[in-house]
Amino acid sequence: MNAPIGRGQAGFDLGHWASRFWNRRVGGMLWRNTVVSTGVFLIGLAVLWVLVEYAGMAEVIAAGVGFLVANTLHYLLGRYWIFAGSQRKLASGYVLFLMNSGVGLGVTMALFWVLITFTPMHYLVVRIVVSVFAGLIVFALNAALNFRQV
């Protein structure tokens, strides 16, 4: 087990966190999250495409709108299937989910901007690449802090 990082503080024990996330039960939640994330991501991607191609919206703004639409659907599916049995109240869980999604949105928008600005990648490909990083961060936040399943 790794020693906690930091003196005089609670510290960060990597072994503790790894054991909390690296087990069969959490693997099942991650699998269910992947199924839901893929479905709502496709919906968000469709929203992004429609807003850019038909509504003439700026790509970065449209990416944010698509992300928020997808995450609202994700909460409902997550609450009742991914993290079934959570004791968190519906309204407070939604607020925390949106806060975690805000972190994901920040990661999404920052990485989206960097890749759109500094690479020749198509905006839809960029959005797919960015989703992997943001999705794992949001899953970990929701599993540990919101639904308290890890």
C-alpha atoms as a PDB file:
ATOM      1  CA  MET A   1       0.000   0.000   0.000  1.00  0.00           C
ATOM      2  CA  ASN A   2       1.350   3.418  -0.886  1.00  0.00           C
ATOM      3  CA  ALA A   3       2.058   5.874   1.878  1.00  0.00           C
ATOM      4  CA  PRO A   4      -0.251   8.888   1.989  1.00  0.00           C
ATOM      5  CA  ILE A   5       1.050  11.977   0.232  1.00  0.00           C
ATOM      6  CA  GLY A   6       1.336  15.104   2.365  1.00  0.00           C
ATOM      7  CA  ARG A   7       2.365  15.766   5.938  1.00  0.00           C
ATOM      8  CA  GLY A   8      -0.054  16.729   8.649  1.00  0.00           C
ATOM      9  CA  GLN A   9      -2.954  16.230   6.245  1.00  0.00           C
ATOM     10  CA  ALA A  10      -5.277  13.380   5.463  1.00  0.00           C
ATOM     11  CA  GLY A  11      -3.133  12.821   2.380  1.00  0.00           C
ATOM     12  CA  PHE A  12      -3.893  10.909  -0.793  1.00  0.00           C
ATOM     13  CA  ASP A  13      -3.428   7.165  -0.578  1.00  0.00           C
ATOM     14  CA  LEU A  14      -3.269   5.813  -4.135  1.00  0.00           C
ATOM     15  CA  GLY A  15      -3.586   2.205  -2.990  1.00  0.00           C
ATOM     16  CA  HIS A  16      -6.765   2.993  -1.069  1.00  0.00           C
ATOM     17  CA  TRP A  17      -8.384   4.655  -4.091  1.00  0.00           C
ATOM     18  CA  ALA A  18      -7.201   1.946  -6.486  1.00  0.00           C
ATOM     19  CA  SER A  19      -8.764  -0.766  -4.315  1.00  0.00           C
ATOM     20  CA  ARG A  20     -12.035   1.172  -4.194  1.00  0.00           C
ATOM     21  CA  PHE A  21     -12.250   1.455  -7.996  1.00  0.00           C
ATOM     22  CA  TRP A  22     -10.551  -1.779  -9.128  1.00  0.00           C
ATOM     23  CA  ASN A  23     -13.097  -4.506  -8.418  1.00  0.00           C
ATOM     24  CA  ARG A  24     -15.827  -6.473 -10.177  1.00  0.00           C
ATOM     25  CA  ARG A  25     -18.751  -4.424  -8.785  1.00  0.00           C
ATOM     26  CA  VAL A  26     -17.267  -1.140  -9.947  1.00  0.00           C
ATOM     27  CA  GLY A  27     -16.380  -2.785 -13.255  1.00  0.00           C
ATOM     28  CA  GLY A  28     -20.087  -3.550 -13.704  1.00  0.00           C
ATOM     29  CA  MET A  29     -20.978   0.053 -12.952  1.00  0.00           C
ATOM     30  CA  LEU A  30     -18.332   1.230 -15.416  1.00  0.00           C
ATOM     31  CA  TRP A  31     -19.764  -1.130 -18.071  1.00  0.00           C
ATOM     32  CA  ARG A  32     -23.312   0.178 -17.508  1.00  0.00           C
ATOM     33  CA  ASN A  33     -21.945   3.720 -17.534  1.00  0.00           C
ATOM     34  CA  THR A  34     -20.200   3.012 -20.837  1.00  0.00           C
ATOM     35  CA  VAL A  35     -23.456   1.777 -22.404  1.00  0.00           C
ATOM     36  CA  VAL A  36     -25.379   4.833 -21.166  1.00  0.00           C
ATOM     37  CA  SER A  37     -22.547   7.211 -21.996  1.00  0.00           C
ATOM     38  CA  THR A  38     -22.341   5.879 -25.538  1.00  0.00           C
ATOM     39  CA  GLY A  39     -26.068   6.318 -26.099  1.00  0.00           C
ATOM     40  CA  VAL A  40     -26.320   9.796 -24.651  1.00  0.00           C
ATOM     41  CA  PHE A  41     -23.040  10.755 -26.308  1.00  0.00           C
ATOM     42  CA  LEU A  42     -24.536   9.901 -29.702  1.00  0.00           C
ATOM     43  CA  ILE A  43     -27.520  12.091 -28.843  1.00  0.00           C
ATOM     44  CA  GLY A  44     -25.157  14.902 -27.801  1.00  0.00           C
ATOM     45  CA  LEU A  45     -23.145  14.410 -30.986  1.00  0.00           C
ATOM     46  CA  ALA A  46     -26.334  14.677 -33.045  1.00  0.00           C
ATOM     47  CA  VAL A  47     -27.244  17.891 -31.208  1.00  0.00           C
ATOM     48  CA  LEU A  48     -23.745  19.247 -31.930  1.00  0.00           C
ATOM     49  CA  TRP A  49     -24.018  18.341 -35.614  1.00  0.00           C
ATOM     50  CA  VAL A  50     -27.491  19.864 -36.028  1.00  0.00           C
ATOM     51  CA  LEU A  51     -26.501  23.072 -34.238  1.00  0.00           C
ATOM     52  CA  VAL A  52     -23.325  23.507 -36.317  1.00  0.00           C
ATOM     53  CA  GLU A  53     -24.577  22.337 -39.698  1.00  0.00           C
ATOM     54  CA  TYR A  54     -28.179  23.622 -39.655  1.00  0.00           C
ATOM     55  CA  ALA A  55     -28.331  26.346 -37.024  1.00  0.00           C
ATOM     56  CA  GLY A  56     -24.946  27.886 -37.845  1.00  0.00           C
ATOM     57  CA  MET A  57     -23.838  27.869 -34.202  1.00  0.00           C
ATOM     58  CA  ALA A  58     -20.143  28.141 -33.342  1.00  0.00           C
ATOM     59  CA  GLU A  59     -18.579  24.708 -32.872  1.00  0.00           C
ATOM     60  CA  VAL A  60     -17.347  25.242 -29.305  1.00  0.00           C
ATOM     61  CA  ILE A  61     -20.690  26.627 -28.077  1.00  0.00           C
ATOM     62  CA  ALA A  62     -22.579  23.839 -29.851  1.00  0.00           C
ATOM     63  CA  ALA A  63     -20.281  21.269 -28.203  1.00  0.00           C
ATOM     64  CA  GLY A  64     -21.241  22.689 -24.815  1.00  0.00           C
ATOM     65  CA  VAL A  65     -24.958  22.574 -25.562  1.00  0.00           C
ATOM     66  CA  GLY A  66     -24.736  18.989 -26.822  1.00  0.00           C
ATOM     67  CA  PHE A  67     -22.766  18.020 -23.724  1.00  0.00           C
ATOM     68  CA  LEU A  68     -25.387  19.464 -21.373  1.00  0.00           C
ATOM     69  CA  VAL A  69     -28.308  17.803 -23.174  1.00  0.00           C
ATOM     70  CA  ALA A  70     -26.547  14.442 -23.049  1.00  0.00           C
ATOM     71  CA  ASN A  71     -25.659  14.789 -19.369  1.00  0.00           C
ATOM     72  CA  THR A  72     -29.196  15.517 -18.286  1.00  0.00           C
ATOM     73  CA  LEU A  73     -30.305  12.244 -19.895  1.00  0.00           C
ATOM     74  CA  HIS A  74     -27.275  10.526 -18.396  1.00  0.00           C
ATOM     75  CA  TYR A  75     -28.321  11.506 -14.875  1.00  0.00           C
ATOM     76  CA  LEU A  76     -31.729   9.904 -15.188  1.00  0.00           C
ATOM     77  CA  LEU A  77     -30.331   6.679 -16.603  1.00  0.00           C
ATOM     78  CA  GLY A  78     -27.435   6.716 -14.176  1.00  0.00           C
ATOM     79  CA  ARG A  79     -29.586   7.161 -11.126  1.00  0.00           C
ATOM     80  CA  TYR A  80     -31.819   4.192 -11.862  1.00  0.00           C
ATOM     81  CA  TRP A  81     -29.482   1.778 -13.637  1.00  0.00           C
ATOM     82  CA  ILE A  82     -25.752   2.576 -13.340  1.00  0.00           C
ATOM     83  CA  PHE A  83     -25.786   3.485  -9.644  1.00  0.00           C
ATOM     84  CA  ALA A  84     -29.021   1.733  -8.649  1.00  0.00           C
ATOM     85  CA  GLY A  85     -29.685   1.760  -4.948  1.00  0.00           C
ATOM     86  CA  SER A  86     -28.186   5.158  -4.222  1.00  0.00           C
ATOM     87  CA  GLN A  87     -29.586   6.718  -1.057  1.00  0.00           C
ATOM     88  CA  ARG A  88     -29.048  10.223  -2.439  1.00  0.00           C
ATOM     89  CA  LYS A  89     -32.250  12.246  -2.863  1.00  0.00           C
ATOM     90  CA  LEU A  90     -33.322  12.924  -6.453  1.00  0.00           C
ATOM     91  CA  ALA A  91     -32.924  16.717  -6.403  1.00  0.00           C
ATOM     92  CA  SER A  92     -29.644  16.831  -4.477  1.00  0.00           C
ATOM     93  CA  GLY A  93     -28.278  14.015  -6.646  1.00  0.00           C
ATOM     94  CA  TYR A  94     -29.170  15.961  -9.780  1.00  0.00           C
ATOM     95  CA  VAL A  95     -27.446  19.085  -8.443  1.00  0.00           C
ATOM     96  CA  LEU A  96     -24.288  17.101  -7.628  1.00  0.00           C
ATOM     97  CA  PHE A  97     -24.461  15.342 -10.996  1.00  0.00           C
ATOM     98  CA  LEU A  98     -24.642  18.717 -12.744  1.00  0.00           C
ATOM     99  CA  MET A  99     -21.714  19.978 -10.668  1.00  0.00           C
ATOM    100  CA  ASN A 100     -19.688  16.916 -11.686  1.00  0.00           C
ATOM    101  CA  SER A 101     -20.864  17.460 -15.251  1.00  0.00           C
ATOM    102  CA  GLY A 102     -19.595  21.036 -14.919  1.00  0.00           C
ATOM    103  CA  VAL A 103     -16.139  19.622 -14.226  1.00  0.00           C
ATOM    104  CA  GLY A 104     -16.592  17.359 -17.248  1.00  0.00           C
ATOM    105  CA  LEU A 105     -17.799  20.300 -19.312  1.00  0.00           C
ATOM    106  CA  GLY A 106     -14.694  22.273 -18.364  1.00  0.00           C
ATOM    107  CA  VAL A 107     -12.455  19.366 -19.377  1.00  0.00           C
ATOM    108  CA  THR A 108     -14.479  18.863 -22.567  1.00  0.00           C
ATOM    109  CA  MET A 109     -14.409  22.493 -23.628  1.00  0.00           C
ATOM    110  CA  ALA A 110     -10.720  22.997 -22.800  1.00  0.00           C
ATOM    111  CA  LEU A 111      -9.560  19.856 -24.606  1.00  0.00           C
ATOM    112  CA  PHE A 112     -11.975  20.514 -27.480  1.00  0.00           C
ATOM    113  CA  TRP A 113     -10.572  24.031 -27.906  1.00  0.00           C
ATOM    114  CA  VAL A 114      -6.953  22.821 -27.757  1.00  0.00           C
ATOM    115  CA  LEU A 115      -7.499  20.086 -30.335  1.00  0.00           C
ATOM    116  CA  ILE A 116      -9.644  22.249 -32.653  1.00  0.00           C
ATOM    117  CA  THR A 117      -7.094  25.065 -32.456  1.00  0.00           C
ATOM    118  CA  PHE A 118      -3.845  23.126 -32.741  1.00  0.00           C
ATOM    119  CA  THR A 119      -4.686  20.052 -34.828  1.00  0.00           C
ATOM    120  CA  PRO A 120      -6.282  19.494 -38.218  1.00  0.00           C
ATOM    121  CA  MET A 121      -8.801  17.066 -36.681  1.00  0.00           C
ATOM    122  CA  HIS A 122     -12.471  17.340 -37.672  1.00  0.00           C
ATOM    123  CA  TYR A 123     -14.651  18.750 -34.869  1.00  0.00           C
ATOM    124  CA  LEU A 124     -16.697  15.532 -34.574  1.00  0.00           C
ATOM    125  CA  VAL A 125     -13.550  13.400 -34.217  1.00  0.00           C
ATOM    126  CA  VAL A 126     -12.242  15.850 -31.620  1.00  0.00           C
ATOM    127  CA  ARG A 127     -15.477  15.530 -29.665  1.00  0.00           C
ATOM    128  CA  ILE A 128     -15.160  11.731 -29.630  1.00  0.00           C
ATOM    129  CA  VAL A 129     -11.543  11.834 -28.406  1.00  0.00           C
ATOM    130  CA  VAL A 130     -12.350  14.387 -25.708  1.00  0.00           C
ATOM    131  CA  SER A 131     -15.333  12.361 -24.460  1.00  0.00           C
ATOM    132  CA  VAL A 132     -13.139   9.496 -23.262  1.00  0.00           C
ATOM    133  CA  PHE A 133     -11.146  11.707 -20.896  1.00  0.00           C
ATOM    134  CA  ALA A 134     -14.078  13.726 -19.610  1.00  0.00           C
ATOM    135  CA  GLY A 135     -16.257  10.630 -19.240  1.00  0.00           C
ATOM    136  CA  LEU A 136     -13.804   8.786 -17.002  1.00  0.00           C
ATOM    137  CA  ILE A 137     -13.393  11.823 -14.773  1.00  0.00           C
ATOM    138  CA  VAL A 138     -17.151  12.318 -14.404  1.00  0.00           C
ATOM    139  CA  PHE A 139     -17.715   8.588 -13.740  1.00  0.00           C
ATOM    140  CA  ALA A 140     -15.164   8.632 -10.914  1.00  0.00           C
ATOM    141  CA  LEU A 141     -16.665  11.785  -9.391  1.00  0.00           C
ATOM    142  CA  ASN A 142     -20.205  10.411  -9.497  1.00  0.00           C
ATOM    143  CA  ALA A 143     -19.261   6.942  -8.267  1.00  0.00           C
ATOM    144  CA  ALA A 144     -17.331   8.262  -5.274  1.00  0.00           C
ATOM    145  CA  LEU A 145     -18.958  11.584  -4.373  1.00  0.00           C
ATOM    146  CA  ASN A 146     -22.511  11.671  -5.686  1.00  0.00           C
ATOM    147  CA  PHE A 147     -23.974   8.186  -5.625  1.00  0.00           C
ATOM    148  CA  ARG A 148     -21.442   6.932  -3.041  1.00  0.00           C
ATOM    149  CA  GLN A 149     -21.129   3.534  -4.650  1.00  0.00           C
ATOM    150  CA  VAL A 150     -17.328   3.359  -4.463  1.00  0.00           C
END
